[in-house]
Amino acid sequence: MLASQIDSARAARNFSAAASSYERAATLQQQTRETLLAQLAARVTEPRRLLDLGCGTGAGAQKLHALYPQAEVLALDRAPGMARIALAAGLDALVADAQRLPLAAQSCDAILSNLMLQWCPQPQRALAEALRVLRPQGWLCFSVPGPATLRELRAAWCQVDDAEHVHRFAAASSWLAWAENAGLQLHSLEAATLRQRHADVFALMRSLRETGVVNTSADRRRGLLGRSALAALERAYAPWRSGDGIVASWEILTLVLRRPA
């Protein structure tokens, strides 16, 4: 999906609505978060301030507290519903846009961002903001979905109608260009395919809704889906069904960037 097509306000509403169900459903997000924490731990030793950018309910910020008990940890999310849960958990959480961070320049030693930056209409601006608030030689570790994410669901929908139902996420080459233009140095880029199993298409769609991963494209289909459309989608998903359910693939890009000295 082209970043400029994203309705960020709608995305924030979707994630706010999913706040109460998020941690129960976000098994993939938990896995990618652990990968980011490992990347951070391998590079950052004695930080003074850390930022969980797109903190969700605050699980990542809590992990940062445990990993670096001496550091101040800030938690920021665009979705008020998510930030409220993080705040209720005792975290230093606030509602703000990654493209306009309410933080002083050179005030953070490292930033962790788990599956959030893809919801920014202007990713390069968000990366430039990360550069601004990082101290010299500070680290940005983030994950985003790649273009092969939910490829099975996209292919199945194409057999049902011509509407856009699944986000089209940016390729690694786009993220590398945005990072370079923002002034960040690449230290590593890893791409991995994670596969989730669901009982059926209805369970997959429910999982996406409960984690806030709902289409916010300007070209998205409006209105509720009827039973006939969902039944047709279930039939179209047959090539990716086995005895214990269906598979949904996620292409995950993990990038480690650094602000130059």
C-alpha atoms as a PDB file:
ATOM      1  CA  MET A   1       0.000   0.000   0.000  1.00  0.00           C
ATOM      2  CA  LEU A   2       1.224   3.484  -0.784  1.00  0.00           C
ATOM      3  CA  ALA A   3       1.747   5.408   2.414  1.00  0.00           C
ATOM      4  CA  SER A   4       0.041   8.533   1.056  1.00  0.00           C
ATOM      5  CA  GLN A   5      -3.249   6.626   0.765  1.00  0.00           C
ATOM      6  CA  ILE A   6      -3.481   5.957   4.495  1.00  0.00           C
ATOM      7  CA  ASP A   7      -6.196   7.653   6.527  1.00  0.00           C
ATOM      8  CA  SER A   8      -4.213   7.962   9.768  1.00  0.00           C
ATOM      9  CA  ALA A   9      -7.181   9.262  11.759  1.00  0.00           C
ATOM     10  CA  ARG A  10      -9.220   6.216  10.780  1.00  0.00           C
ATOM     11  CA  ALA A  11      -6.283   3.958  11.634  1.00  0.00           C
ATOM     12  CA  ALA A  12      -6.120   5.557  15.093  1.00  0.00           C
ATOM     13  CA  ARG A  13      -9.846   4.913  15.578  1.00  0.00           C
ATOM     14  CA  ASN A  14      -9.430   1.300  14.517  1.00  0.00           C
ATOM     15  CA  PHE A  15      -6.625   0.738  17.006  1.00  0.00           C
ATOM     16  CA  SER A  16      -8.507   2.525  19.781  1.00  0.00           C
ATOM     17  CA  ALA A  17     -11.479   0.252  19.164  1.00  0.00           C
ATOM     18  CA  ALA A  18      -9.180  -2.790  19.323  1.00  0.00           C
ATOM     19  CA  ALA A  19      -7.392  -1.741  22.523  1.00  0.00           C
ATOM     20  CA  SER A  20      -9.297  -4.067  24.867  1.00  0.00           C
ATOM     21  CA  SER A  21      -8.767  -7.146  22.669  1.00  0.00           C
ATOM     22  CA  TYR A  22      -5.311  -6.310  21.334  1.00  0.00           C
ATOM     23  CA  GLU A  23      -2.969  -8.227  23.637  1.00  0.00           C
ATOM     24  CA  ARG A  24      -5.122 -11.346  23.500  1.00  0.00           C
ATOM     25  CA  ALA A  25      -5.063 -11.384  19.695  1.00  0.00           C
ATOM     26  CA  ALA A  26      -1.610  -9.897  18.984  1.00  0.00           C
ATOM     27  CA  THR A  27       0.478 -13.073  18.990  1.00  0.00           C
ATOM     28  CA  LEU A  28       2.417 -12.075  15.880  1.00  0.00           C
ATOM     29  CA  GLN A  29       3.054  -8.596  17.253  1.00  0.00           C
ATOM     30  CA  GLN A  30       4.430 -10.166  20.431  1.00  0.00           C
ATOM     31  CA  GLN A  31       6.845 -12.234  18.359  1.00  0.00           C
ATOM     32  CA  THR A  32       8.112  -9.263  16.331  1.00  0.00           C
ATOM     33  CA  ARG A  33       8.468  -7.211  19.516  1.00  0.00           C
ATOM     34  CA  GLU A  34      10.801  -9.817  21.015  1.00  0.00           C
ATOM     35  CA  THR A  35      12.950  -9.657  17.874  1.00  0.00           C
ATOM     36  CA  LEU A  36      13.222  -5.880  18.188  1.00  0.00           C
ATOM     37  CA  LEU A  37      14.096  -6.067  21.876  1.00  0.00           C
ATOM     38  CA  ALA A  38      16.899  -8.507  21.087  1.00  0.00           C
ATOM     39  CA  GLN A  39      18.245  -6.165  18.411  1.00  0.00           C
ATOM     40  CA  LEU A  40      18.147  -3.273  20.864  1.00  0.00           C
ATOM     41  CA  ALA A  41      19.749  -5.214  23.708  1.00  0.00           C
ATOM     42  CA  ALA A  42      22.663  -6.179  21.462  1.00  0.00           C
ATOM     43  CA  ARG A  43      23.494  -2.516  20.814  1.00  0.00           C
ATOM     44  CA  VAL A  44      22.298  -0.327  23.684  1.00  0.00           C
ATOM     45  CA  THR A  45      23.963  -0.665  27.086  1.00  0.00           C
ATOM     46  CA  GLU A  46      23.300   2.288  29.435  1.00  0.00           C
ATOM     47  CA  PRO A  47      20.551   4.468  27.955  1.00  0.00           C
ATOM     48  CA  ARG A  48      19.122   7.441  29.803  1.00  0.00           C
ATOM     49  CA  ARG A  49      15.855   7.680  27.865  1.00  0.00           C
ATOM     50  CA  LEU A  50      14.067   5.251  25.569  1.00  0.00           C
ATOM     51  CA  LEU A  51      10.970   5.693  23.411  1.00  0.00           C
ATOM     52  CA  ASP A  52       8.423   3.025  22.526  1.00  0.00           C
ATOM     53  CA  LEU A  53       6.970   4.614  19.392  1.00  0.00           C
ATOM     54  CA  GLY A  54       3.522   3.205  18.710  1.00  0.00           C
ATOM     55  CA  CYS A  55       3.375   1.624  22.147  1.00  0.00           C
ATOM     56  CA  GLY A  56      -0.070   0.050  21.856  1.00  0.00           C
ATOM     57  CA  THR A  57      -1.160  -1.108  25.303  1.00  0.00           C
ATOM     58  CA  GLY A  58       2.374  -0.653  26.636  1.00  0.00           C
ATOM     59  CA  ALA A  59       3.741  -4.198  26.651  1.00  0.00           C
ATOM     60  CA  GLY A  60       6.887  -3.128  24.804  1.00  0.00           C
ATOM     61  CA  ALA A  61       7.514  -0.221  27.172  1.00  0.00           C
ATOM     62  CA  GLN A  62       7.165  -2.578  30.124  1.00  0.00           C
ATOM     63  CA  LYS A  63       9.768  -4.871  28.544  1.00  0.00           C
ATOM     64  CA  LEU A  64      12.078  -1.881  28.078  1.00  0.00           C
ATOM     65  CA  HIS A  65      11.652  -1.021  31.769  1.00  0.00           C
ATOM     66  CA  ALA A  66      12.673  -4.560  32.690  1.00  0.00           C
ATOM     67  CA  LEU A  67      15.619  -4.543  30.295  1.00  0.00           C
ATOM     68  CA  TYR A  68      16.871  -1.090  31.325  1.00  0.00           C
ATOM     69  CA  PRO A  69      15.594  -0.387  34.870  1.00  0.00           C
ATOM     70  CA  GLN A  70      17.824   2.682  35.196  1.00  0.00           C
ATOM     71  CA  ALA A  71      16.382   4.399  32.095  1.00  0.00           C
ATOM     72  CA  GLU A  72      13.361   6.633  31.605  1.00  0.00           C
ATOM     73  CA  VAL A  73      10.921   4.967  29.211  1.00  0.00           C
ATOM     74  CA  LEU A  74       8.393   7.002  27.233  1.00  0.00           C
ATOM     75  CA  ALA A  75       5.399   5.358  25.543  1.00  0.00           C
ATOM     76  CA  LEU A  76       3.654   7.104  22.649  1.00  0.00           C
ATOM     77  CA  ASP A  77       0.698   6.086  20.493  1.00  0.00           C
ATOM     78  CA  ARG A  78      -1.584   7.810  17.993  1.00  0.00           C
ATOM     79  CA  ALA A  79      -4.600   5.842  19.276  1.00  0.00           C
ATOM     80  CA  PRO A  80      -6.090   7.294  22.490  1.00  0.00           C
ATOM     81  CA  GLY A  81      -7.603   3.942  23.466  1.00  0.00           C
ATOM     82  CA  MET A  82      -4.198   2.278  23.401  1.00  0.00           C
ATOM     83  CA  ALA A  83      -2.461   5.099  25.279  1.00  0.00           C
ATOM     84  CA  ARG A  84      -5.126   5.024  28.016  1.00  0.00           C
ATOM     85  CA  ILE A  85      -4.387   1.366  28.751  1.00  0.00           C
ATOM     86  CA  ALA A  86      -0.642   2.046  28.803  1.00  0.00           C
ATOM     87  CA  LEU A  87      -1.190   4.990  31.140  1.00  0.00           C
ATOM     88  CA  ALA A  88      -3.393   2.891  33.432  1.00  0.00           C
ATOM     89  CA  ALA A  89      -0.545   0.371  33.638  1.00  0.00           C
ATOM     90  CA  GLY A  90       1.626   3.069  35.193  1.00  0.00           C
ATOM     91  CA  LEU A  91       3.616   3.959  32.096  1.00  0.00           C
ATOM     92  CA  ASP A  92       4.645   7.436  31.006  1.00  0.00           C
ATOM     93  CA  ALA A  93       2.302   7.361  28.015  1.00  0.00           C
ATOM     94  CA  LEU A  94       0.910  10.062  25.771  1.00  0.00           C
ATOM     95  CA  VAL A  95      -1.112  10.434  22.592  1.00  0.00           C
ATOM     96  CA  ALA A  96       0.916  11.880  19.733  1.00  0.00           C
ATOM     97  CA  ASP A  97       1.736  11.504  16.046  1.00  0.00           C
ATOM     98  CA  ALA A  98       5.035   9.859  15.046  1.00  0.00           C
ATOM     99  CA  GLN A  99       5.314  12.490  12.308  1.00  0.00           C
ATOM    100  CA  ARG A 100       5.243  15.317  14.897  1.00  0.00           C
ATOM    101  CA  LEU A 101       6.890  14.053  18.059  1.00  0.00           C
ATOM    102  CA  PRO A 102       6.333  16.261  21.137  1.00  0.00           C
ATOM    103  CA  LEU A 103       9.911  15.641  22.284  1.00  0.00           C
ATOM    104  CA  ALA A 104      13.022  17.800  22.404  1.00  0.00           C
ATOM    105  CA  ALA A 105      15.781  17.309  19.870  1.00  0.00           C
ATOM    106  CA  GLN A 106      18.461  14.780  20.839  1.00  0.00           C
ATOM    107  CA  SER A 107      16.511  13.639  23.893  1.00  0.00           C
ATOM    108  CA  CYS A 108      16.415   9.840  23.350  1.00  0.00           C
ATOM    109  CA  ASP A 109      19.152   7.225  23.216  1.00  0.00           C
ATOM    110  CA  ALA A 110      17.066   4.658  21.353  1.00  0.00           C
ATOM    111  CA  ILE A 111      13.641   4.187  19.793  1.00  0.00           C
ATOM    112  CA  LEU A 112      11.746   0.932  19.418  1.00  0.00           C
ATOM    113  CA  SER A 113       8.773   0.813  17.029  1.00  0.00           C
ATOM    114  CA  ASN A 114       6.892  -2.434  16.480  1.00  0.00           C
ATOM    115  CA  LEU A 115       4.624  -2.713  13.424  1.00  0.00           C
ATOM    116  CA  MET A 116       3.504   0.923  13.543  1.00  0.00           C
ATOM    117  CA  LEU A 117       5.394   3.099  11.082  1.00  0.00           C
ATOM    118  CA  GLN A 118       3.502   1.582   8.147  1.00  0.00           C
ATOM    119  CA  TRP A 119       0.421   3.521   9.312  1.00  0.00           C
ATOM    120  CA  CYS A 120       2.133   6.894   8.786  1.00  0.00           C
ATOM    121  CA  PRO A 121       1.006   8.723   5.620  1.00  0.00           C
ATOM    122  CA  GLN A 122       4.498  10.272   5.416  1.00  0.00           C
ATOM    123  CA  PRO A 123       6.991   7.599   6.532  1.00  0.00           C
ATOM    124  CA  GLN A 124      10.037   9.706   5.635  1.00  0.00           C
ATOM    125  CA  ARG A 125       8.742  12.481   7.883  1.00  0.00           C
ATOM    126  CA  ALA A 126       8.337   9.990  10.742  1.00  0.00           C
ATOM    127  CA  LEU A 127      11.889   8.757  10.205  1.00  0.00           C
ATOM    128  CA  ALA A 128      13.167  12.338  10.103  1.00  0.00           C
ATOM    129  CA  GLU A 129      11.418  12.972  13.420  1.00  0.00           C
ATOM    130  CA  ALA A 130      13.091   9.881  14.858  1.00  0.00           C
ATOM    131  CA  LEU A 131      16.447  11.245  13.722  1.00  0.00           C
ATOM    132  CA  ARG A 132      15.658  14.614  15.313  1.00  0.00           C
ATOM    133  CA  VAL A 133      14.902  13.223  18.771  1.00  0.00           C
ATOM    134  CA  LEU A 134      17.746  10.686  18.786  1.00  0.00           C
ATOM    135  CA  ARG A 135      21.025  11.620  20.375  1.00  0.00           C
ATOM    136  CA  PRO A 136      24.128  11.276  18.165  1.00  0.00           C
ATOM    137  CA  GLN A 137      24.769   7.575  17.543  1.00  0.00           C
ATOM    138  CA  GLY A 138      21.316   6.752  18.893  1.00  0.00           C
ATOM    139  CA  TRP A 139      19.467   3.689  17.586  1.00  0.00           C
ATOM    140  CA  LEU A 140      16.121   3.176  15.872  1.00  0.00           C
ATOM    141  CA  CYS A 141      14.925  -0.448  15.745  1.00  0.00           C
ATOM    142  CA  PHE A 142      11.627  -0.990  13.950  1.00  0.00           C
ATOM    143  CA  SER A 143       9.553  -3.601  12.180  1.00  0.00           C
ATOM    144  CA  VAL A 144       6.990  -3.145   9.411  1.00  0.00           C
ATOM    145  CA  PRO A 145       4.976  -5.509   7.210  1.00  0.00           C
ATOM    146  CA  GLY A 146       6.314  -6.046   3.699  1.00  0.00           C
ATOM    147  CA  PRO A 147       4.286  -6.255   0.465  1.00  0.00           C
ATOM    148  CA  ALA A 148       3.839 -10.049   0.641  1.00  0.00           C
ATOM    149  CA  THR A 149       1.882  -9.707   3.900  1.00  0.00           C
ATOM    150  CA  LEU A 150      -1.521 -11.464   3.771  1.00  0.00           C
ATOM    151  CA  ARG A 151      -0.856 -12.506   0.187  1.00  0.00           C
ATOM    152  CA  GLU A 152      -3.266 -15.440   0.509  1.00  0.00           C
ATOM    153  CA  LEU A 153      -6.093 -13.206   1.696  1.00  0.00           C
ATOM    154  CA  ARG A 154      -5.404 -10.736  -1.101  1.00  0.00           C
ATOM    155  CA  ALA A 155      -5.449 -13.490  -3.732  1.00  0.00           C
ATOM    156  CA  ALA A 156      -8.667 -14.949  -2.350  1.00  0.00           C
ATOM    157  CA  TRP A 157     -10.428 -11.570  -2.351  1.00  0.00           C
ATOM    158  CA  CYS A 158      -9.408 -11.062  -5.993  1.00  0.00           C
ATOM    159  CA  GLN A 159     -11.620 -14.047  -6.846  1.00  0.00           C
ATOM    160  CA  VAL A 160     -14.591 -12.469  -5.070  1.00  0.00           C
ATOM    161  CA  ASP A 161     -14.643  -8.845  -6.289  1.00  0.00           C
ATOM    162  CA  ASP A 162     -12.462  -5.992  -7.557  1.00  0.00           C
ATOM    163  CA  ALA A 163     -12.467  -3.903  -4.365  1.00  0.00           C
ATOM    164  CA  GLU A 164      -9.363  -3.297  -2.256  1.00  0.00           C
ATOM    165  CA  HIS A 165      -9.679  -5.283   0.967  1.00  0.00           C
ATOM    166  CA  VAL A 166      -6.050  -5.747   2.041  1.00  0.00           C
ATOM    167  CA  HIS A 167      -3.418  -3.078   2.605  1.00  0.00           C
ATOM    168  CA  ARG A 168      -0.568  -2.820   0.130  1.00  0.00           C
ATOM    169  CA  PHE A 169       2.488  -2.332   2.318  1.00  0.00           C
ATOM    170  CA  ALA A 170       5.717  -0.715   1.149  1.00  0.00           C
ATOM    171  CA  ALA A 171       8.728  -2.734   0.013  1.00  0.00           C
ATOM    172  CA  ALA A 172      12.100  -2.809   1.760  1.00  0.00           C
ATOM    173  CA  SER A 173      13.560  -0.618  -0.997  1.00  0.00           C
ATOM    174  CA  SER A 174      11.092   2.150  -0.096  1.00  0.00           C
ATOM    175  CA  TRP A 175      12.007   2.016   3.588  1.00  0.00           C
ATOM    176  CA  LEU A 176      15.707   2.119   2.738  1.00  0.00           C
ATOM    177  CA  ALA A 177      15.181   5.179   0.547  1.00  0.00           C
ATOM    178  CA  TRP A 178      13.086   6.945   3.193  1.00  0.00           C
ATOM    179  CA  ALA A 179      15.696   6.205   5.858  1.00  0.00           C
ATOM    180  CA  GLU A 180      18.551   7.455   3.699  1.00  0.00           C
ATOM    181  CA  ASN A 181      16.661  10.624   2.779  1.00  0.00           C
ATOM    182  CA  ALA A 182      15.913  11.227   6.458  1.00  0.00           C
ATOM    183  CA  GLY A 183      19.620  10.998   7.288  1.00  0.00           C
ATOM    184  CA  LEU A 184      19.660   7.664   9.132  1.00  0.00           C
ATOM    185  CA  GLN A 185      22.375   5.059   8.595  1.00  0.00           C
ATOM    186  CA  LEU A 186      21.370   1.447   7.951  1.00  0.00           C
ATOM    187  CA  HIS A 187      23.027  -1.165  10.149  1.00  0.00           C
ATOM    188  CA  SER A 188      20.872  -4.189   9.345  1.00  0.00           C
ATOM    189  CA  LEU A 189      17.801  -5.228   7.412  1.00  0.00           C
ATOM    190  CA  GLU A 190      16.191  -8.627   7.811  1.00  0.00           C
ATOM    191  CA  ALA A 191      13.151 -10.005   6.021  1.00  0.00           C
ATOM    192  CA  ALA A 192      11.270 -13.006   7.371  1.00  0.00           C
ATOM    193  CA  THR A 193       7.989 -14.720   6.598  1.00  0.00           C
ATOM    194  CA  LEU A 194       5.873 -15.550   9.626  1.00  0.00           C
ATOM    195  CA  ARG A 195       2.852 -17.797   9.132  1.00  0.00           C
ATOM    196  CA  GLN A 196      -0.174 -17.830  11.363  1.00  0.00           C
ATOM    197  CA  ARG A 197      -2.820 -20.511  11.404  1.00  0.00           C
ATOM    198  CA  HIS A 198      -6.512 -19.775  11.867  1.00  0.00           C
ATOM    199  CA  ALA A 199      -9.524 -22.064  12.057  1.00  0.00           C
ATOM    200  CA  ASP A 200     -11.097 -20.415   9.015  1.00  0.00           C
ATOM    201  CA  VAL A 201     -11.384 -17.112   7.162  1.00  0.00           C
ATOM    202  CA  PHE A 202     -13.835 -15.781   9.732  1.00  0.00           C
ATOM    203  CA  ALA A 203     -11.255 -16.369  12.491  1.00  0.00           C
ATOM    204  CA  LEU A 204      -8.581 -14.624  10.396  1.00  0.00           C
ATOM    205  CA  MET A 205     -10.794 -11.592   9.817  1.00  0.00           C
ATOM    206  CA  ARG A 206     -11.691 -11.473  13.508  1.00  0.00           C
ATOM    207  CA  SER A 207      -7.990 -11.564  14.435  1.00  0.00           C
ATOM    208  CA  LEU A 208      -7.265  -8.632  12.124  1.00  0.00           C
ATOM    209  CA  ARG A 209     -10.150  -6.639  13.585  1.00  0.00           C
ATOM    210  CA  GLU A 210      -9.118  -7.398  17.185  1.00  0.00           C
ATOM    211  CA  THR A 211      -5.601  -6.104  16.512  1.00  0.00           C
ATOM    212  CA  GLY A 212      -6.770  -3.011  14.624  1.00  0.00           C
ATOM    213  CA  VAL A 213      -5.332  -4.158  11.299  1.00  0.00           C
ATOM    214  CA  VAL A 214      -8.282  -2.900   9.263  1.00  0.00           C
ATOM    215  CA  ASN A 215      -7.996  -1.388   5.806  1.00  0.00           C
ATOM    216  CA  THR A 216      -7.750   2.413   5.905  1.00  0.00           C
ATOM    217  CA  SER A 217      -6.977   3.008   2.239  1.00  0.00           C
ATOM    218  CA  ALA A 218      -8.850   5.669   0.311  1.00  0.00           C
ATOM    219  CA  ASP A 219      -9.699   2.884  -2.167  1.00  0.00           C
ATOM    220  CA  ARG A 220     -11.050   0.499   0.460  1.00  0.00           C
ATOM    221  CA  ARG A 221     -14.494  -1.032   0.115  1.00  0.00           C
ATOM    222  CA  ARG A 222     -17.116   0.848   2.157  1.00  0.00           C
ATOM    223  CA  GLY A 223     -19.862  -0.795   4.142  1.00  0.00           C
ATOM    224  CA  LEU A 224     -20.256  -4.124   5.873  1.00  0.00           C
ATOM    225  CA  LEU A 225     -19.532  -7.386   4.113  1.00  0.00           C
ATOM    226  CA  GLY A 226     -22.513  -9.632   3.528  1.00  0.00           C
ATOM    227  CA  ARG A 227     -22.676 -13.321   4.372  1.00  0.00           C
ATOM    228  CA  SER A 228     -22.515 -14.249   0.698  1.00  0.00           C
ATOM    229  CA  ALA A 229     -19.247 -12.328   0.201  1.00  0.00           C
ATOM    230  CA  LEU A 230     -17.665 -13.961   3.242  1.00  0.00           C
ATOM    231  CA  ALA A 231     -18.851 -17.391   2.125  1.00  0.00           C
ATOM    232  CA  ALA A 232     -17.333 -16.758  -1.313  1.00  0.00           C
ATOM    233  CA  LEU A 233     -14.084 -15.670   0.357  1.00  0.00           C
ATOM    234  CA  GLU A 234     -14.019 -18.870   2.412  1.00  0.00           C
ATOM    235  CA  ARG A 235     -14.334 -20.912  -0.790  1.00  0.00           C
ATOM    236  CA  ALA A 236     -11.655 -18.873  -2.572  1.00  0.00           C
ATOM    237  CA  TYR A 237      -9.231 -19.500   0.301  1.00  0.00           C
ATOM    238  CA  ALA A 238      -9.314 -23.262  -0.378  1.00  0.00           C
ATOM    239  CA  PRO A 239      -5.729 -23.484  -1.809  1.00  0.00           C
ATOM    240  CA  TRP A 240      -4.343 -22.373   1.588  1.00  0.00           C
ATOM    241  CA  ARG A 241      -6.509 -24.638   3.734  1.00  0.00           C
ATOM    242  CA  SER A 242      -5.425 -27.872   5.348  1.00  0.00           C
ATOM    243  CA  GLY A 243      -6.972 -30.158   7.934  1.00  0.00           C
ATOM    244  CA  ASP A 244      -6.279 -27.861  10.859  1.00  0.00           C
ATOM    245  CA  GLY A 245      -7.352 -24.585   9.260  1.00  0.00           C
ATOM    246  CA  ILE A 246      -5.922 -21.913   6.978  1.00  0.00           C
ATOM    247  CA  VAL A 247      -2.569 -20.144   6.804  1.00  0.00           C
ATOM    248  CA  ALA A 248      -1.939 -16.390   6.620  1.00  0.00           C
ATOM    249  CA  SER A 249       1.556 -15.165   5.756  1.00  0.00           C
ATOM    250  CA  TRP A 250       3.195 -12.015   7.096  1.00  0.00           C
ATOM    251  CA  GLU A 251       6.335 -10.642   5.492  1.00  0.00           C
ATOM    252  CA  ILE A 252       8.139  -8.844   8.322  1.00  0.00           C
ATOM    253  CA  LEU A 253      10.925  -6.337   7.665  1.00  0.00           C
ATOM    254  CA  THR A 254      13.151  -5.565  10.648  1.00  0.00           C
ATOM    255  CA  LEU A 255      15.438  -2.557  10.281  1.00  0.00           C
ATOM    256  CA  VAL A 256      18.125  -1.254  12.616  1.00  0.00           C
ATOM    257  CA  LEU A 257      19.145   2.335  11.884  1.00  0.00           C
ATOM    258  CA  ARG A 258      21.457   4.777  13.597  1.00  0.00           C
ATOM    259  CA  ARG A 259      21.789   8.524  13.815  1.00  0.00           C
ATOM    260  CA  PRO A 260      25.303   9.524  12.710  1.00  0.00           C
ATOM    261  CA  ALA A 261      27.702  10.943  15.271  1.00  0.00           C
END
